[in-house]
Structure formats: C-alpha cells, structure tokens
Amino acid sequence: MTSPISSYIMYVKVGPKKDPQGYYVAVTTRDVFERYVRDRFAPPNIVIEEVGGEVFIKSKSRSVLKKLIKFLASKGVTVIGSI
C-alpha cells in the first residue's frame, strides 16, 4: 500500500538497468500516468502494469523511456534516478 503523502507528490522513478525480462522500467503514480502518459505513449512501444497506486511503465527501448522521462520532467514531474 502506498503512503498517503505519495499520492500528492508527482514523481517518476527510473533506473539505468534492465529488469530480468529485458525491459527498462519507470514507476510513477496513477495520477501522473492518467494525466500525462496514457494518451501520449501507447503500446506497442511500452507495457503498462498497474499495481495498487503505482503504475509500472516498461519498454525494451531505452530511447522511448528517455523521451517519456524528458516529457514528464518538462511538465514538472519530479524525476528520481536516471536512465
């Protein structure tokens, strides 16, 4: 379960390494996903997994995820980590 404070903070967490299936992963809140990502970044370039209050955004392409991160940063979303 996510903490109540995390639902008010707009953030995206990223890491430089791939997961075991070969995807680069970004984790964000459902609010950020609904507001900025859902209509602009769509499959087949990304895989979306919603778990609780967080959304995992996965891509085999590092450049696709970098574009997403840059876009979110330009909208004022706090980026935690780097890719």
N, C-alpha and C. Protein backbone atom coordinates (compact mmCIF):
# COMPACT_ATOMS: atom_id res chain seq x y z
N MET A 1 0.85 -1.18 0.00
CA MET A 1 0.00 0.00 0.00
C MET A 1 0.89 1.24 0.00
N THR A 2 0.54 2.22 -0.82
CA THR A 2 1.33 3.43 -0.87
C THR A 2 0.95 4.35 0.27
N SER A 3 1.90 5.18 0.67
CA SER A 3 1.61 6.11 1.75
C SER A 3 0.74 7.25 1.23
N PRO A 4 -0.05 7.88 2.10
CA PRO A 4 -0.93 8.96 1.66
C PRO A 4 -0.17 10.12 1.04
N ILE A 5 1.03 10.40 1.54
CA ILE A 5 1.79 11.52 1.01
C ILE A 5 2.22 11.27 -0.43
N SER A 6 2.49 10.01 -0.81
CA SER A 6 2.95 9.74 -2.17
C SER A 6 1.88 10.00 -3.21
N SER A 7 0.62 10.02 -2.80
CA SER A 7 -0.44 10.30 -3.76
C SER A 7 -0.50 11.78 -4.13
N TYR A 8 0.15 12.65 -3.34
CA TYR A 8 0.16 14.08 -3.62
C TYR A 8 1.41 14.52 -4.37
N ILE A 9 2.44 13.72 -4.35
CA ILE A 9 3.70 14.07 -4.99
C ILE A 9 3.71 13.48 -6.39
N MET A 10 4.01 14.32 -7.38
CA MET A 10 4.10 13.84 -8.75
C MET A 10 5.54 13.43 -9.00
N TYR A 11 5.76 12.14 -9.20
CA TYR A 11 7.12 11.65 -9.38
C TYR A 11 7.14 10.51 -10.38
N VAL A 12 8.34 10.26 -10.87
CA VAL A 12 8.61 9.07 -11.67
C VAL A 12 9.98 8.56 -11.23
N LYS A 13 10.07 7.27 -10.93
CA LYS A 13 11.33 6.65 -10.52
C LYS A 13 11.85 5.82 -11.69
N VAL A 14 13.13 5.97 -11.99
CA VAL A 14 13.74 5.22 -13.09
C VAL A 14 15.09 4.68 -12.64
N GLY A 15 15.57 3.69 -13.37
CA GLY A 15 16.88 3.12 -13.10
C GLY A 15 17.60 2.82 -14.41
N PRO A 16 18.92 2.76 -14.37
CA PRO A 16 19.69 2.57 -15.60
C PRO A 16 19.76 1.13 -16.09
N LYS A 17 19.33 0.18 -15.28
CA LYS A 17 19.46 -1.23 -15.66
C LYS A 17 18.13 -1.81 -16.11
N LYS A 18 18.23 -2.89 -16.89
CA LYS A 18 17.03 -3.59 -17.34
C LYS A 18 16.57 -4.58 -16.27
N ASP A 19 15.28 -4.91 -16.32
CA ASP A 19 14.76 -5.95 -15.43
C ASP A 19 15.12 -7.32 -16.03
N PRO A 20 14.85 -8.42 -15.35
CA PRO A 20 15.22 -9.75 -15.86
C PRO A 20 14.61 -10.10 -17.22
N GLN A 21 13.49 -9.48 -17.58
CA GLN A 21 12.87 -9.76 -18.88
C GLN A 21 13.42 -8.86 -19.98
N GLY A 22 14.33 -7.97 -19.65
CA GLY A 22 14.96 -7.12 -20.65
C GLY A 22 14.28 -5.77 -20.87
N TYR A 23 13.44 -5.34 -19.94
CA TYR A 23 12.75 -4.06 -20.06
C TYR A 23 13.42 -3.00 -19.19
N TYR A 24 13.45 -1.77 -19.70
CA TYR A 24 13.76 -0.62 -18.86
C TYR A 24 12.45 -0.26 -18.17
N VAL A 25 12.52 0.13 -16.90
CA VAL A 25 11.29 0.32 -16.11
C VAL A 25 11.27 1.71 -15.48
N ALA A 26 10.10 2.34 -15.53
CA ALA A 26 9.83 3.58 -14.80
C ALA A 26 8.59 3.32 -13.95
N VAL A 27 8.59 3.86 -12.74
CA VAL A 27 7.45 3.70 -11.83
C VAL A 27 6.92 5.09 -11.50
N THR A 28 5.62 5.25 -11.62
CA THR A 28 5.01 6.54 -11.33
C THR A 28 3.66 6.33 -10.64
N THR A 29 3.05 7.42 -10.23
CA THR A 29 1.74 7.33 -9.59
C THR A 29 0.66 7.20 -10.66
N ARG A 30 -0.47 6.71 -10.26
CA ARG A 30 -1.60 6.58 -11.18
C ARG A 30 -2.03 7.96 -11.70
N ASP A 31 -1.94 8.98 -10.84
CA ASP A 31 -2.32 10.33 -11.24
C ASP A 31 -1.45 10.86 -12.37
N VAL A 32 -0.14 10.69 -12.25
CA VAL A 32 0.78 11.13 -13.31
C VAL A 32 0.51 10.35 -14.59
N PHE A 33 0.29 9.05 -14.46
CA PHE A 33 0.02 8.22 -15.63
C PHE A 33 -1.25 8.70 -16.34
N GLU A 34 -2.32 8.89 -15.59
CA GLU A 34 -3.59 9.31 -16.20
C GLU A 34 -3.47 10.69 -16.83
N ARG A 35 -2.76 11.59 -16.17
CA ARG A 35 -2.68 12.97 -16.63
C ARG A 35 -1.78 13.15 -17.84
N TYR A 36 -0.63 12.46 -17.87
CA TYR A 36 0.37 12.74 -18.89
C TYR A 36 0.72 11.59 -19.83
N VAL A 37 0.63 10.36 -19.38
CA VAL A 37 1.19 9.25 -20.15
C VAL A 37 0.16 8.51 -20.99
N ARG A 38 -0.99 8.23 -20.46
CA ARG A 38 -1.96 7.33 -21.10
C ARG A 38 -2.23 7.66 -22.57
N ASP A 39 -2.48 8.91 -22.89
CA ASP A 39 -2.84 9.26 -24.27
C ASP A 39 -1.65 9.55 -25.17
N ARG A 40 -0.48 9.80 -24.60
CA ARG A 40 0.67 10.19 -25.41
C ARG A 40 1.63 9.05 -25.73
N PHE A 41 1.72 8.09 -24.84
CA PHE A 41 2.63 6.97 -25.03
C PHE A 41 1.81 5.69 -24.97
N ALA A 42 1.72 5.00 -26.07
CA ALA A 42 0.85 3.83 -26.12
C ALA A 42 1.60 2.61 -26.63
N PRO A 43 1.08 1.42 -26.33
CA PRO A 43 1.67 0.21 -26.89
C PRO A 43 1.69 0.29 -28.40
N PRO A 44 2.56 -0.35 -29.11
CA PRO A 44 3.44 -1.43 -28.68
C PRO A 44 4.77 -0.98 -28.11
N ASN A 45 5.02 0.34 -28.04
CA ASN A 45 6.31 0.81 -27.55
C ASN A 45 6.50 0.62 -26.05
N ILE A 46 5.40 0.58 -25.31
CA ILE A 46 5.51 0.42 -23.86
C ILE A 46 4.53 -0.63 -23.36
N VAL A 47 4.86 -1.18 -22.20
CA VAL A 47 4.00 -2.13 -21.50
C VAL A 47 3.59 -1.47 -20.19
N ILE A 48 2.31 -1.49 -19.88
CA ILE A 48 1.79 -0.85 -18.67
C ILE A 48 1.33 -1.93 -17.70
N GLU A 49 1.77 -1.82 -16.44
CA GLU A 49 1.30 -2.70 -15.37
C GLU A 49 0.89 -1.83 -14.20
N GLU A 50 -0.38 -1.91 -13.83
CA GLU A 50 -0.88 -1.13 -12.70
C GLU A 50 -0.93 -2.02 -11.46
N VAL A 51 -0.26 -1.56 -10.39
CA VAL A 51 -0.21 -2.31 -9.14
C VAL A 51 -0.51 -1.33 -8.01
N GLY A 52 -1.65 -1.50 -7.38
CA GLY A 52 -2.04 -0.59 -6.30
C GLY A 52 -2.15 0.83 -6.83
N GLY A 53 -1.47 1.75 -6.17
CA GLY A 53 -1.50 3.15 -6.58
C GLY A 53 -0.38 3.54 -7.52
N GLU A 54 0.44 2.56 -7.91
CA GLU A 54 1.57 2.85 -8.78
C GLU A 54 1.38 2.19 -10.15
N VAL A 55 2.04 2.77 -11.13
CA VAL A 55 1.99 2.25 -12.49
C VAL A 55 3.43 1.99 -12.94
N PHE A 56 3.69 0.77 -13.40
CA PHE A 56 4.99 0.40 -13.94
C PHE A 56 4.92 0.57 -15.45
N ILE A 57 5.82 1.38 -15.98
CA ILE A 57 5.88 1.62 -17.42
C ILE A 57 7.16 0.96 -17.90
N LYS A 58 7.03 -0.01 -18.81
CA LYS A 58 8.18 -0.78 -19.27
C LYS A 58 8.37 -0.60 -20.77
N SER A 59 9.63 -0.59 -21.19
CA SER A 59 9.94 -0.50 -22.60
C SER A 59 11.24 -1.23 -22.89
N LYS A 60 11.29 -1.92 -24.01
CA LYS A 60 12.54 -2.56 -24.44
C LYS A 60 13.50 -1.51 -24.98
N SER A 61 12.95 -0.38 -25.40
CA SER A 61 13.75 0.68 -26.00
C SER A 61 14.11 1.73 -24.95
N ARG A 62 15.39 1.94 -24.77
CA ARG A 62 15.85 2.95 -23.82
C ARG A 62 15.44 4.35 -24.29
N SER A 63 15.50 4.59 -25.60
CA SER A 63 15.18 5.92 -26.12
C SER A 63 13.71 6.27 -25.91
N VAL A 64 12.82 5.31 -26.00
CA VAL A 64 11.40 5.57 -25.75
C VAL A 64 11.19 5.99 -24.30
N LEU A 65 11.84 5.29 -23.38
CA LEU A 65 11.70 5.63 -21.97
C LEU A 65 12.35 6.98 -21.66
N LYS A 66 13.47 7.28 -22.32
CA LYS A 66 14.11 8.58 -22.13
C LYS A 66 13.20 9.71 -22.59
N LYS A 67 12.51 9.52 -23.72
CA LYS A 67 11.57 10.54 -24.21
C LYS A 67 10.45 10.75 -23.20
N LEU A 68 9.96 9.66 -22.64
CA LEU A 68 8.90 9.74 -21.63
C LEU A 68 9.39 10.52 -20.41
N ILE A 69 10.58 10.22 -19.93
CA ILE A 69 11.13 10.88 -18.75
C ILE A 69 11.34 12.37 -19.02
N LYS A 70 11.89 12.71 -20.18
CA LYS A 70 12.09 14.12 -20.53
C LYS A 70 10.76 14.86 -20.61
N PHE A 71 9.76 14.21 -21.19
CA PHE A 71 8.44 14.82 -21.29
C PHE A 71 7.86 15.08 -19.90
N LEU A 72 7.94 14.08 -19.02
CA LEU A 72 7.40 14.25 -17.67
C LEU A 72 8.15 15.34 -16.90
N ALA A 73 9.47 15.40 -17.07
CA ALA A 73 10.26 16.43 -16.40
C ALA A 73 9.84 17.82 -16.89
N SER A 74 9.53 17.95 -18.17
CA SER A 74 9.10 19.25 -18.71
C SER A 74 7.74 19.67 -18.16
N LYS A 75 6.96 18.72 -17.68
CA LYS A 75 5.65 19.01 -17.10
C LYS A 75 5.73 19.24 -15.59
N GLY A 76 6.94 19.20 -15.03
CA GLY A 76 7.11 19.48 -13.61
C GLY A 76 7.08 18.26 -12.71
N VAL A 77 7.10 17.07 -13.30
CA VAL A 77 7.12 15.84 -12.51
C VAL A 77 8.54 15.61 -12.00
N THR A 78 8.69 15.30 -10.73
CA THR A 78 10.00 15.04 -10.14
C THR A 78 10.54 13.71 -10.64
N VAL A 79 11.76 13.73 -11.18
CA VAL A 79 12.40 12.52 -11.68
C VAL A 79 13.38 12.03 -10.63
N ILE A 80 13.20 10.79 -10.19
CA ILE A 80 14.07 10.18 -9.19
C ILE A 80 14.90 9.13 -9.90
N GLY A 81 16.21 9.31 -9.94
CA GLY A 81 17.10 8.39 -10.64
C GLY A 81 17.41 8.90 -12.03
N SER A 82 18.07 8.06 -12.82
CA SER A 82 18.41 8.43 -14.20
C SER A 82 18.45 7.17 -15.05
N ILE A 83 18.34 7.39 -16.34
CA ILE A 83 18.36 6.26 -17.27
C ILE A 83 19.52 6.42 -18.23
